[in-house]
N, C-alpha and C. Protein backbone atom coordinates (compact mmCIF):
# COMPACT_ATOMS: atom_id res chain seq x y z
N MET A 1 -111.98 151.55 114.63
CA MET A 1 -111.51 152.28 115.50
C MET A 1 -111.18 151.63 116.86
N PHE A 2 -112.38 150.86 116.93
CA PHE A 2 -112.50 150.38 118.43
C PHE A 2 -111.14 149.28 118.71
N GLN A 3 -110.82 148.62 117.28
CA GLN A 3 -109.59 147.46 117.49
C GLN A 3 -108.44 148.35 117.61
N GLN A 4 -108.34 149.55 117.10
CA GLN A 4 -106.83 150.29 117.27
C GLN A 4 -106.86 150.72 118.91
N LEU A 5 -107.98 151.03 119.62
CA LEU A 5 -107.91 151.53 120.67
C LEU A 5 -107.62 150.35 121.66
N LEU A 6 -108.21 149.14 121.38
CA LEU A 6 -108.18 147.65 122.18
C LEU A 6 -106.65 147.23 122.13
N ARG A 7 -106.00 147.24 120.82
CA ARG A 7 -104.93 146.57 120.45
C ARG A 7 -103.67 147.08 121.58
N PRO A 8 -103.55 148.25 122.01
CA PRO A 8 -102.46 148.47 122.99
C PRO A 8 -102.60 147.98 124.31
N ARG A 9 -104.01 147.95 124.77
CA ARG A 9 -104.24 147.48 126.08
C ARG A 9 -104.34 145.97 126.12
N LEU A 10 -104.56 145.29 124.94
CA LEU A 10 -104.17 143.91 125.06
C LEU A 10 -102.71 143.24 125.06
N ALA A 11 -101.96 144.45 124.30
CA ALA A 11 -100.37 144.28 124.67
C ALA A 11 -100.16 144.34 125.79
N LEU A 12 -100.58 145.55 126.44
CA LEU A 12 -100.18 145.66 127.97
C LEU A 12 -100.30 144.34 128.88
N LEU A 13 -101.48 143.83 128.72
CA LEU A 13 -101.99 142.73 129.30
C LEU A 13 -101.27 141.61 129.11
N ALA A 14 -100.91 141.35 127.77
CA ALA A 14 -100.09 139.91 127.34
C ALA A 14 -98.93 140.04 128.11
N GLY A 15 -98.44 141.47 128.11
CA GLY A 15 -96.66 141.44 128.68
C GLY A 15 -96.97 141.23 130.27
N LEU A 16 -98.04 141.43 131.00
CA LEU A 16 -98.25 141.45 132.18
C LEU A 16 -98.39 139.96 132.39
N LEU A 17 -98.95 139.22 131.57
CA LEU A 17 -99.45 137.79 131.71
C LEU A 17 -98.05 136.90 131.61
N VAL A 18 -97.02 137.47 130.66
CA VAL A 18 -96.00 136.74 130.31
C VAL A 18 -95.02 136.90 131.55
N ALA A 19 -95.07 138.13 132.50
CA ALA A 19 -94.34 138.25 133.35
C ALA A 19 -94.55 137.63 134.46
N LEU A 20 -95.96 137.13 134.74
CA LEU A 20 -96.46 136.43 135.82
C LEU A 20 -96.23 134.93 135.47
N ALA A 21 -96.01 134.65 134.26
CA ALA A 21 -95.90 133.28 134.06
C ALA A 21 -94.54 132.91 134.12
N CYS A 22 -93.48 134.17 133.90
CA CYS A 22 -91.98 133.87 134.14
C CYS A 22 -91.65 133.75 135.66
N GLY A 23 -92.78 133.89 136.50
CA GLY A 23 -92.47 134.19 138.11
C GLY A 23 -91.92 135.46 138.34
N GLU A 24 -92.11 136.60 137.49
CA GLU A 24 -91.76 137.85 137.76
C GLU A 24 -92.76 138.51 138.54
N SER A 25 -92.08 139.27 139.59
CA SER A 25 -93.13 139.89 140.70
C SER A 25 -93.53 141.48 139.82
N VAL A 26 -94.62 141.64 139.74
CA VAL A 26 -95.10 143.25 138.92
C VAL A 26 -95.46 143.97 140.31
N ALA A 27 -94.52 145.02 140.66
CA ALA A 27 -94.66 145.65 141.61
C ALA A 27 -95.21 146.94 141.24
N PRO A 28 -95.92 147.48 141.93
CA PRO A 28 -96.73 149.05 141.53
C PRO A 28 -95.02 150.15 141.01
N SER A 29 -95.21 150.81 140.10
CA SER A 29 -94.45 151.52 139.64
C SER A 29 -94.01 152.72 140.19
N ASN A 30 -94.70 153.00 141.38
CA ASN A 30 -94.59 154.01 142.44
C ASN A 30 -93.96 153.69 143.76
N GLU A 31 -93.60 152.52 143.64
CA GLU A 31 -93.01 151.91 145.16
C GLU A 31 -91.44 151.43 145.04
N ALA A 32 -90.70 151.42 145.88
CA ALA A 32 -89.40 150.87 145.65
C ALA A 32 -89.46 149.87 147.21
N THR A 33 -88.89 148.61 146.96
CA THR A 33 -88.26 147.75 148.12
C THR A 33 -86.92 147.82 148.34
N LEU A 34 -86.57 148.15 149.37
CA LEU A 34 -85.06 148.64 149.93
C LEU A 34 -84.49 147.77 150.90
N ILE A 35 -82.98 147.26 150.70
CA ILE A 35 -82.70 146.34 151.73
C ILE A 35 -82.06 147.25 152.96
N LEU A 36 -82.37 146.91 154.22
CA LEU A 36 -81.67 147.68 155.21
C LEU A 36 -80.48 146.92 155.87
N PHE A 37 -79.66 147.45 155.95
CA PHE A 37 -78.34 146.21 156.48
C PHE A 37 -77.46 147.30 157.36
N ALA A 38 -77.21 146.59 158.54
CA ALA A 38 -76.31 147.49 159.67
C ALA A 38 -75.52 146.27 160.18
N ASP A 39 -74.26 146.37 160.52
CA ASP A 39 -73.34 145.28 161.67
C ASP A 39 -73.74 146.05 162.80
N VAL A 40 -74.32 145.41 163.68
CA VAL A 40 -74.34 145.93 165.27
C VAL A 40 -73.68 145.11 165.84
N SER A 41 -72.83 144.30 165.58
CA SER A 41 -71.75 143.29 166.61
C SER A 41 -71.12 144.23 167.31
N GLY A 42 -70.93 144.15 168.59
CA GLY A 42 -70.12 144.78 169.23
C GLY A 42 -70.80 145.57 170.32
N THR A 43 -72.15 145.68 169.78
CA THR A 43 -73.37 146.50 170.41
C THR A 43 -74.25 145.86 171.35
N ALA A 44 -75.00 146.38 172.04
CA ALA A 44 -75.83 145.61 172.64
C ALA A 44 -77.42 145.95 171.93
N VAL A 45 -77.40 146.40 170.71
CA VAL A 45 -78.43 146.20 170.03
C VAL A 45 -79.08 145.13 169.66
N ALA A 46 -80.53 145.04 169.98
CA ALA A 46 -81.22 143.52 169.71
C ALA A 46 -82.26 143.93 168.63
N THR A 47 -82.68 145.16 168.45
CA THR A 47 -83.52 145.41 167.56
C THR A 47 -83.67 146.90 166.83
N VAL A 48 -84.13 147.20 165.52
CA VAL A 48 -83.99 148.45 165.05
C VAL A 48 -85.19 149.07 164.59
N VAL A 49 -85.85 150.33 164.83
CA VAL A 49 -86.92 150.43 164.74
C VAL A 49 -86.95 151.57 163.47
N VAL A 50 -87.68 151.44 162.43
CA VAL A 50 -87.52 152.52 161.22
C VAL A 50 -88.90 152.97 160.86
N ASN A 51 -88.78 154.51 161.35
CA ASN A 51 -89.99 155.07 160.89
C ASN A 51 -89.73 155.99 159.46
N VAL A 52 -90.94 155.99 158.52
CA VAL A 52 -90.70 156.78 157.28
C VAL A 52 -91.77 157.66 157.17
N THR A 53 -91.96 158.98 157.11
CA THR A 53 -92.88 160.00 157.20
C THR A 53 -92.38 160.81 155.95
N ALA A 54 -93.28 161.30 155.45
CA ALA A 54 -93.16 162.35 154.45
C ALA A 54 -94.69 163.37 154.32
N PRO A 55 -94.42 164.19 153.43
CA PRO A 55 -95.90 165.11 153.55
C PRO A 55 -96.88 164.61 152.93
N ASP A 56 -96.59 163.62 151.74
CA ASP A 56 -97.64 163.14 151.09
C ASP A 56 -97.89 161.61 151.57
N LEU A 57 -97.06 161.36 152.51
CA LEU A 57 -97.80 159.86 153.29
C LEU A 57 -98.70 160.10 154.19
N PRO A 58 -100.05 159.26 154.00
CA PRO A 58 -101.09 159.75 154.87
C PRO A 58 -100.93 159.40 156.47
N SER A 59 -99.87 158.24 156.71
CA SER A 59 -99.71 157.93 158.22
C SER A 59 -97.93 157.47 158.08
N PRO A 60 -97.29 157.68 159.13
CA PRO A 60 -96.04 157.15 159.36
C PRO A 60 -96.05 155.71 158.87
N LEU A 61 -94.91 155.28 158.19
CA LEU A 61 -94.50 153.66 158.03
C LEU A 61 -93.50 153.06 159.14
N VAL A 62 -93.64 152.05 159.71
CA VAL A 62 -93.08 151.72 160.66
C VAL A 62 -92.42 150.16 160.40
N PHE A 63 -91.27 149.84 160.56
CA PHE A 63 -90.52 148.82 160.23
C PHE A 63 -89.97 148.43 161.47
N ASN A 64 -89.84 146.95 162.03
CA ASN A 64 -88.89 146.45 162.91
C ASN A 64 -88.02 145.58 162.22
N ILE A 65 -86.60 146.11 162.50
CA ILE A 65 -85.69 145.18 161.77
C ILE A 65 -85.03 144.27 162.69
N PRO A 66 -85.00 143.04 162.76
CA PRO A 66 -84.46 142.14 163.35
C PRO A 66 -83.17 141.76 163.51
N VAL A 67 -82.43 141.56 164.59
CA VAL A 67 -80.76 141.62 164.69
C VAL A 67 -80.49 139.70 164.91
N VAL A 68 -79.76 139.36 163.76
CA VAL A 68 -79.26 137.98 164.06
C VAL A 68 -77.96 137.96 163.94
N SER A 69 -77.41 137.39 164.91
CA SER A 69 -76.09 137.13 164.92
C SER A 69 -75.07 138.44 164.69
N GLY A 70 -75.57 139.52 165.11
CA GLY A 70 -74.82 140.99 165.03
C GLY A 70 -75.22 141.72 163.74
N ILE A 71 -76.25 141.23 162.98
CA ILE A 71 -76.37 141.74 161.97
C ILE A 71 -78.20 142.24 161.76
N ALA A 72 -78.23 143.34 161.78
CA ALA A 72 -79.83 144.10 161.48
C ALA A 72 -79.77 144.05 159.94
N SER A 73 -80.81 143.27 159.40
CA SER A 73 -81.21 143.11 158.01
C SER A 73 -82.63 142.80 157.82
N ASP A 74 -83.27 143.64 156.57
CA ASP A 74 -84.64 143.26 156.44
C ASP A 74 -84.70 144.22 155.29
N THR A 75 -85.76 143.91 154.46
CA THR A 75 -86.35 144.63 153.47
C THR A 75 -87.63 145.96 153.65
N ILE A 76 -87.62 146.63 153.25
CA ILE A 76 -88.82 147.99 153.47
C ILE A 76 -89.36 148.38 152.20
N THR A 77 -90.42 148.46 151.77
CA THR A 77 -91.49 149.03 150.98
C THR A 77 -91.88 150.27 150.97
N VAL A 78 -91.47 151.39 150.36
CA VAL A 78 -91.64 152.67 150.45
C VAL A 78 -92.49 153.06 149.16
N ARG A 79 -93.36 153.94 149.41
CA ARG A 79 -93.86 154.71 148.38
C ARG A 79 -92.68 155.56 147.57
N ALA A 80 -92.53 155.75 146.19
CA ALA A 80 -91.36 156.65 145.98
C ALA A 80 -91.90 158.23 146.01
N GLY A 81 -90.84 159.09 146.09
CA GLY A 81 -90.95 160.44 146.18
C GLY A 81 -89.85 160.92 146.85
N SER A 82 -90.10 162.30 146.95
CA SER A 82 -88.95 163.32 147.63
C SER A 82 -89.55 163.48 149.41
N HIS A 83 -88.34 164.04 150.26
CA HIS A 83 -88.72 164.32 151.16
C HIS A 83 -89.09 163.37 152.15
N ARG A 84 -88.51 161.92 151.95
CA ARG A 84 -88.83 161.15 152.73
C ARG A 84 -87.93 160.98 154.06
N VAL A 85 -88.23 161.22 155.28
CA VAL A 85 -87.57 161.35 156.27
C VAL A 85 -87.62 159.97 157.00
N ILE A 86 -86.40 159.35 157.07
CA ILE A 86 -85.99 158.01 157.64
C ILE A 86 -85.47 158.22 159.22
N ALA A 87 -86.27 157.95 160.01
CA ALA A 87 -85.82 157.96 161.45
C ALA A 87 -85.50 156.55 162.01
N MET A 88 -84.44 156.32 162.50
CA MET A 88 -84.15 154.88 163.20
C MET A 88 -83.83 155.12 164.45
N ARG A 89 -84.30 154.14 165.29
CA ARG A 89 -83.88 153.92 166.82
C ARG A 89 -83.43 152.63 166.95
N ALA A 90 -82.33 152.54 167.62
CA ALA A 90 -81.82 150.95 168.07
C ALA A 90 -82.12 150.68 169.73
N TYR A 91 -82.47 149.49 169.97
CA TYR A 91 -82.89 149.08 171.28
C TYR A 91 -82.21 147.89 171.61
N ASP A 92 -81.87 147.73 173.07
CA ASP A 92 -81.24 146.79 173.64
C ASP A 92 -82.23 145.56 174.00
N ALA A 93 -81.86 144.42 174.49
CA ALA A 93 -82.89 143.25 174.90
C ALA A 93 -83.80 143.87 175.96
N GLU A 94 -83.54 144.94 176.71
CA GLU A 94 -84.48 145.21 177.79
C GLU A 94 -85.35 146.23 177.42
N GLY A 95 -85.10 147.02 175.91
CA GLY A 95 -86.02 147.44 175.48
C GLY A 95 -85.56 149.22 175.87
N VAL A 96 -84.17 149.48 176.15
CA VAL A 96 -83.81 150.58 176.35
C VAL A 96 -82.97 151.24 175.00
N GLU A 97 -83.42 152.43 174.71
CA GLU A 97 -82.97 152.91 173.30
C GLU A 97 -81.55 153.04 173.66
N THR A 98 -80.85 152.71 172.61
CA THR A 98 -79.27 152.97 172.63
C THR A 98 -78.76 153.76 171.38
N HIS A 99 -79.49 153.92 170.41
CA HIS A 99 -78.83 154.66 169.45
C HIS A 99 -80.18 155.51 168.55
N SER A 100 -80.20 156.63 167.70
CA SER A 100 -80.97 157.22 167.09
C SER A 100 -80.42 157.86 166.01
N GLY A 101 -81.03 158.14 165.00
CA GLY A 101 -80.62 158.98 164.00
C GLY A 101 -81.86 159.40 162.67
N SER A 102 -81.66 160.05 161.76
CA SER A 102 -82.59 160.38 161.05
C SER A 102 -82.06 160.99 159.63
N ALA A 103 -82.51 160.90 158.53
CA ALA A 103 -82.13 161.68 157.48
C ALA A 103 -83.31 161.61 156.45
N GLN A 104 -83.04 162.70 155.44
CA GLN A 104 -84.06 162.99 154.69
C GLN A 104 -83.41 162.59 153.29
N ILE A 105 -84.25 161.63 152.55
CA ILE A 105 -83.66 161.08 151.22
C ILE A 105 -84.89 161.38 150.04
N THR A 106 -84.50 161.12 148.98
CA THR A 106 -85.43 160.93 147.96
C THR A 106 -85.39 159.36 147.19
N ILE A 107 -86.38 158.67 147.26
CA ILE A 107 -86.77 157.50 146.86
C ILE A 107 -87.41 157.19 145.75
N GLN A 108 -86.55 156.53 144.40
CA GLN A 108 -86.95 156.34 142.97
C GLN A 108 -88.00 155.20 143.02
N PRO A 109 -88.98 154.87 142.07
CA PRO A 109 -89.30 153.87 141.70
C PRO A 109 -88.59 152.88 141.49
N GLY A 110 -88.65 151.88 141.92
CA GLY A 110 -87.71 150.58 141.21
C GLY A 110 -86.43 150.58 141.81
N LEU A 111 -85.22 150.54 141.22
CA LEU A 111 -83.97 150.50 141.86
C LEU A 111 -83.55 151.85 142.15
N ASN A 112 -82.81 151.58 143.31
CA ASN A 112 -82.27 152.97 143.97
C ASN A 112 -80.80 152.60 144.50
N PRO A 113 -80.18 153.61 144.18
CA PRO A 113 -78.44 153.36 144.87
C PRO A 113 -78.55 153.20 146.21
N THR A 114 -77.62 152.59 146.70
CA THR A 114 -77.38 152.72 148.13
C THR A 114 -76.85 153.79 148.72
N ILE A 115 -77.43 154.26 149.87
CA ILE A 115 -76.99 155.24 150.75
C ILE A 115 -76.54 154.84 152.29
N THR A 116 -76.02 155.61 152.61
CA THR A 116 -75.41 155.04 154.19
C THR A 116 -76.06 156.40 154.98
N LEU A 117 -76.55 155.82 156.23
CA LEU A 117 -77.27 156.38 157.50
C LEU A 117 -76.77 156.18 158.56
N VAL A 118 -76.59 157.11 159.50
CA VAL A 118 -75.86 156.62 160.98
C VAL A 118 -76.80 157.04 161.93
N MET A 119 -76.56 156.10 162.62
CA MET A 119 -77.21 156.23 164.35
C MET A 119 -76.28 156.55 165.21
N GLN A 120 -76.35 157.77 166.19
CA GLN A 120 -75.62 158.09 166.86
C GLN A 120 -75.70 157.70 168.36
N PRO A 121 -74.66 156.88 169.13
CA PRO A 121 -75.06 156.39 170.30
C PRO A 121 -75.58 156.99 171.47
N LEU A 122 -76.62 156.91 172.36
CA LEU A 122 -77.08 157.61 173.28
C LEU A 122 -76.52 157.20 174.77
N THR A 123 -75.78 156.22 174.63
CA THR A 123 -75.03 155.59 175.91
C THR A 123 -73.50 155.35 175.81
N GLY A 124 -73.02 156.21 175.02
CA GLY A 124 -71.44 156.27 175.18
C GLY A 124 -70.97 155.32 174.07
N ASP A 125 -71.79 154.46 173.38
CA ASP A 125 -71.29 153.36 172.35
C ASP A 125 -70.86 153.87 171.17
N VAL A 126 -70.40 153.19 170.31
CA VAL A 126 -70.16 153.38 168.84
C VAL A 126 -71.02 153.99 168.03
N PRO A 127 -70.76 154.61 167.18
CA PRO A 127 -72.07 155.01 166.18
C PRO A 127 -72.24 153.50 165.24
N ILE A 128 -73.68 153.52 164.87
CA ILE A 128 -73.90 152.48 163.93
C ILE A 128 -74.27 153.09 162.50
N THR A 129 -73.80 152.70 161.73
CA THR A 129 -73.82 152.78 159.78
C THR A 129 -74.79 151.91 159.60
N LEU A 130 -75.82 152.13 158.51
CA LEU A 130 -76.63 151.61 158.03
C LEU A 130 -76.66 151.74 156.62
N THR A 131 -77.00 150.89 155.79
CA THR A 131 -77.01 151.00 154.18
C THR A 131 -78.33 150.75 153.94
N LEU A 132 -78.92 151.47 152.97
CA LEU A 132 -80.37 151.38 152.62
C LEU A 132 -80.35 151.37 150.82
N GLY A 133 -80.71 150.54 150.28
CA GLY A 133 -80.68 150.56 148.80
C GLY A 133 -80.94 149.26 148.22
N SER A 134 -81.06 149.11 146.79
CA SER A 134 -81.56 148.05 146.19
C SER A 134 -80.57 146.71 145.89
N ARG A 135 -79.46 146.64 146.28
CA ARG A 135 -78.47 145.78 146.16
C ARG A 135 -77.98 145.47 147.80
N THR A 136 -77.34 144.28 147.73
CA THR A 136 -76.75 144.05 148.92
C THR A 136 -75.56 143.06 148.32
N VAL A 137 -74.34 143.41 149.00
CA VAL A 137 -73.04 142.47 148.80
C VAL A 137 -72.41 141.92 150.08
N VAL A 138 -72.20 140.44 149.74
CA VAL A 138 -71.85 139.50 150.85
C VAL A 138 -70.53 139.11 150.46
N VAL A 139 -69.41 139.44 151.38
CA VAL A 139 -68.04 138.72 151.33
C VAL A 139 -68.05 137.63 151.74
N SER A 140 -67.25 136.83 151.25
CA SER A 140 -66.90 135.41 151.70
C SER A 140 -65.51 134.94 151.79
N PRO A 141 -64.92 134.38 152.59
CA PRO A 141 -65.31 134.51 153.99
C PRO A 141 -65.43 135.69 154.66
N ASN A 142 -66.18 135.95 155.87
CA ASN A 142 -66.17 137.37 156.37
C ASN A 142 -65.00 137.60 157.29
N THR A 143 -64.36 136.39 157.68
CA THR A 143 -63.03 136.55 158.51
C THR A 143 -62.04 135.76 157.86
N LEU A 144 -60.72 136.37 157.86
CA LEU A 144 -59.54 135.58 157.17
C LEU A 144 -58.37 135.84 158.25
N THR A 145 -57.52 134.73 158.34
CA THR A 145 -56.67 134.86 159.29
C THR A 145 -55.22 134.33 158.13
N LEU A 146 -54.01 135.20 157.85
CA LEU A 146 -53.27 134.90 157.26
C LEU A 146 -51.69 135.09 158.20
N VAL A 147 -50.69 134.38 157.70
CA VAL A 147 -49.33 134.69 158.08
C VAL A 147 -48.86 135.77 157.24
N VAL A 148 -48.11 136.37 157.73
CA VAL A 148 -46.93 137.39 156.70
C VAL A 148 -46.76 136.83 155.48
N GLY A 149 -47.01 137.26 154.27
CA GLY A 149 -46.67 136.66 152.95
C GLY A 149 -47.54 135.91 152.46
N ASP A 150 -48.36 135.55 153.27
CA ASP A 150 -49.41 134.58 152.58
C ASP A 150 -50.54 135.24 151.65
N THR A 151 -51.21 134.37 150.95
CA THR A 151 -52.42 135.24 150.29
C THR A 151 -53.54 134.41 150.28
N SER A 152 -54.77 134.91 149.89
CA SER A 152 -55.90 133.98 150.12
C SER A 152 -56.97 134.84 149.16
N ARG A 153 -57.87 134.24 148.59
CA ARG A 153 -58.97 134.92 147.77
C ARG A 153 -60.19 134.85 148.28
N LEU A 154 -60.84 136.24 148.50
CA LEU A 154 -62.20 136.46 149.00
C LEU A 154 -63.11 136.50 147.68
N SER A 155 -64.28 136.10 147.95
CA SER A 155 -65.29 136.39 146.70
C SER A 155 -66.72 137.04 147.32
N ALA A 156 -67.13 137.66 146.47
CA ALA A 156 -68.18 138.73 146.47
C ALA A 156 -69.49 138.19 145.76
N SER A 157 -70.73 138.29 146.31
CA SER A 157 -71.75 137.77 145.89
C SER A 157 -72.78 139.07 145.80
N ILE A 158 -73.68 139.42 144.78
CA ILE A 158 -74.29 140.48 144.59
C ILE A 158 -75.81 140.16 144.48
N SER A 159 -76.90 140.47 145.15
CA SER A 159 -78.25 140.17 145.12
C SER A 159 -79.25 141.51 145.49
N ASP A 160 -80.14 141.36 144.88
CA ASP A 160 -81.31 142.39 145.08
C ASP A 160 -82.04 141.86 146.43
N TRP A 161 -83.12 142.98 146.50
CA TRP A 161 -84.02 142.78 147.40
C TRP A 161 -84.63 141.53 148.03
N ASN A 162 -84.87 140.64 146.79
CA ASN A 162 -85.81 139.56 146.86
C ASN A 162 -84.82 138.31 146.80
N GLY A 163 -83.25 138.53 146.81
CA GLY A 163 -82.45 137.54 147.47
C GLY A 163 -82.11 136.96 145.88
N ALA A 164 -82.37 137.25 144.86
CA ALA A 164 -82.23 136.98 143.57
C ALA A 164 -80.47 137.60 143.22
N ALA A 165 -79.67 136.56 142.42
CA ALA A 165 -78.29 137.03 142.24
C ALA A 165 -78.11 138.00 141.00
N VAL A 166 -77.45 138.90 141.18
CA VAL A 166 -77.31 140.27 140.32
C VAL A 166 -75.86 139.96 139.78
N ALA A 167 -75.72 140.06 138.45
CA ALA A 167 -74.58 140.00 137.60
C ALA A 167 -74.03 141.12 138.11
N GLY A 168 -72.54 141.42 138.06
CA GLY A 168 -71.83 142.76 138.05
C GLY A 168 -70.44 142.46 138.90
N THR A 169 -69.84 143.38 138.67
CA THR A 169 -68.19 143.23 139.03
C THR A 169 -67.97 144.23 140.36
N VAL A 170 -67.62 143.79 141.52
CA VAL A 170 -67.31 144.54 142.51
C VAL A 170 -65.90 145.06 142.42
N LYS A 171 -65.68 146.15 143.03
CA LYS A 171 -64.50 146.88 143.45
C LYS A 171 -64.14 146.79 144.74
N TRP A 172 -62.83 146.42 144.73
CA TRP A 172 -61.87 145.85 146.05
C TRP A 172 -61.29 146.99 146.38
N ALA A 173 -61.25 146.61 147.93
CA ALA A 173 -60.38 147.83 148.81
C ALA A 173 -59.86 147.33 150.07
N THR A 174 -58.71 147.77 150.58
CA THR A 174 -58.40 147.29 151.74
C THR A 174 -58.52 148.76 152.78
N ASN A 175 -58.57 148.67 153.79
CA ASN A 175 -58.89 149.93 154.75
C ASN A 175 -57.33 150.19 155.33
N ASP A 176 -56.56 149.33 155.18
CA ASP A 176 -55.26 149.45 155.84
C ASP A 176 -54.17 148.64 155.03
N PRO A 177 -53.69 149.31 153.64
CA PRO A 177 -52.71 148.38 152.78
C PRO A 177 -51.42 147.98 153.66
N GLY A 178 -51.27 148.99 154.72
CA GLY A 178 -49.90 148.29 155.58
C GLY A 178 -50.17 146.81 156.12
N VAL A 179 -51.31 146.33 156.41
CA VAL A 179 -51.62 145.16 156.93
C VAL A 179 -51.54 144.28 155.81
N ALA A 180 -52.60 144.36 154.86
CA ALA A 180 -52.96 143.47 153.81
C ALA A 180 -53.27 144.30 152.68
N THR A 181 -52.99 143.95 151.50
CA THR A 181 -53.44 144.45 150.13
C THR A 181 -54.79 143.65 149.33
N VAL A 182 -55.23 144.13 148.47
CA VAL A 182 -56.12 143.10 147.76
C VAL A 182 -56.02 143.52 146.32
N ASP A 183 -56.24 142.79 145.34
CA ASP A 183 -56.29 143.05 143.89
C ASP A 183 -57.60 143.29 143.36
N ASP A 184 -57.79 143.22 142.29
CA ASP A 184 -58.93 143.52 141.28
C ASP A 184 -59.79 142.34 141.48
N ASN A 185 -59.11 141.37 141.81
CA ASN A 185 -60.13 140.01 141.89
C ASN A 185 -60.28 139.52 143.26
N GLY A 186 -59.92 140.17 144.14
CA GLY A 186 -60.23 139.87 145.56
C GLY A 186 -59.10 138.94 146.04
N LEU A 187 -57.93 139.15 145.73
CA LEU A 187 -56.85 138.34 146.31
C LEU A 187 -56.11 139.02 147.23
N VAL A 188 -56.03 138.65 148.54
CA VAL A 188 -55.77 139.35 149.41
C VAL A 188 -54.05 138.92 149.91
N THR A 189 -53.12 139.96 150.17
CA THR A 189 -51.94 139.24 150.28
C THR A 189 -51.52 140.13 151.57
N ALA A 190 -51.01 139.18 152.52
CA ALA A 190 -50.83 139.68 153.93
C ALA A 190 -49.48 140.35 153.90
N THR A 191 -49.06 141.83 154.53
CA THR A 191 -47.80 142.16 154.42
C THR A 191 -47.30 142.66 155.90
N HIS A 192 -47.92 143.00 156.79
CA HIS A 192 -47.54 142.99 158.34
C HIS A 192 -48.61 142.69 159.31
N ALA A 193 -48.29 142.29 160.45
CA ALA A 193 -48.94 141.62 161.38
C ALA A 193 -49.91 143.12 161.85
N GLY A 194 -51.15 142.43 162.00
CA GLY A 194 -52.26 143.47 162.44
C GLY A 194 -53.64 143.22 161.88
N THR A 195 -54.53 143.78 161.99
CA THR A 195 -56.07 143.61 161.61
C THR A 195 -56.51 144.75 160.77
N THR A 196 -57.24 144.33 159.46
CA THR A 196 -57.65 145.50 158.41
C THR A 196 -58.97 145.08 158.30
N THR A 197 -59.84 145.70 157.37
CA THR A 197 -60.78 145.30 156.60
C THR A 197 -60.59 145.41 155.20
N VAL A 198 -61.20 144.53 154.41
CA VAL A 198 -60.84 144.53 152.97
C VAL A 198 -62.52 144.44 152.67
N ALA A 199 -62.84 145.49 151.90
CA ALA A 199 -64.37 145.58 151.32
C ALA A 199 -64.59 145.41 150.06
N ALA A 200 -65.70 144.89 149.63
CA ALA A 200 -66.16 145.04 148.25
C ALA A 200 -67.37 145.80 147.95
N THR A 201 -67.67 146.73 146.99
CA THR A 201 -68.57 147.58 146.53
C THR A 201 -69.29 147.47 145.48
N PHE A 202 -70.51 147.65 145.21
CA PHE A 202 -71.13 147.60 143.78
C PHE A 202 -72.58 148.41 143.90
N GLN A 203 -72.13 149.75 143.26
CA GLN A 203 -73.63 150.49 142.99
C GLN A 203 -73.78 151.16 144.51
N GLY A 204 -72.75 151.47 145.15
CA GLY A 204 -72.85 152.01 146.46
C GLY A 204 -73.36 151.16 147.53
N ALA A 205 -73.59 149.61 147.28
CA ALA A 205 -73.70 148.80 148.34
C ALA A 205 -72.32 148.10 148.56
N GLY A 206 -72.20 147.77 149.90
CA GLY A 206 -70.78 147.09 149.99
C GLY A 206 -70.85 145.94 151.26
N GLY A 207 -69.85 145.18 151.14
CA GLY A 207 -69.76 143.90 152.20
C GLY A 207 -68.37 144.14 152.54
N HIS A 208 -68.02 143.50 153.65
CA HIS A 208 -66.48 143.48 153.85
C HIS A 208 -66.25 142.16 154.83
N ALA A 209 -64.61 142.08 154.92
CA ALA A 209 -64.33 140.83 155.57
C ALA A 209 -63.09 141.45 156.54
N THR A 210 -63.02 140.63 157.51
CA THR A 210 -62.05 141.11 158.45
C THR A 210 -61.00 140.16 158.16
N VAL A 211 -59.52 140.91 158.11
CA VAL A 211 -58.40 140.06 157.89
C VAL A 211 -57.55 140.38 158.85
N THR A 212 -57.00 139.44 159.64
CA THR A 212 -56.01 139.20 160.61
C THR A 212 -54.77 138.53 160.12
N VAL A 213 -53.46 139.39 160.17
CA VAL A 213 -52.35 138.99 160.06
C VAL A 213 -51.51 138.89 160.99
N THR A 214 -50.55 137.42 161.08
CA THR A 214 -50.02 137.04 162.38
C THR A 214 -48.48 137.13 161.62
N PRO A 215 -47.49 137.21 162.66
CA PRO A 215 -46.25 137.08 162.33
C PRO A 215 -45.97 135.90 161.26
């Protein structure tokens, strides 16, 4: 009887040791690590502050999201559960609040689909859209200049919160097909002079490139 009770525990311990030996992180099953990403270029934002509150959280969680080259990006780890209120505030280099917003979401243990959150301007600036999820997509190159009739291929990389590559197929789309089109493999064709955005999405996460077409 003792051996029957001990055997499942030994199997679980062996599984954990194998995971650790393979370099895998064993995170608590009731937590999720999420990627927060926002393009704040064109604004005065120098940092983003994120607060997470919930009825079952003993105290608010606070995260400072740094801004580098116009991109606010970092990871946050939050206990899974419902009624998670995500409150966001953006500040300029002088410490003046420029944007704010909040949303109530449900966070699942482990992987989470990407959701979109919006901070509204307080000083007449444009809104800032943030994404929060377990995946991130980066499009390369992020800017492209073409002459009408030219073609060029974009590539997209998918990674998880730990920066590890994720296998998958992105879906390509163009914001203005009158300026440039894009096929299922990321091949961009310039059609008319102007500027548009070409995006790649995967499980709700998205990356984009700015495409400028000259005559």
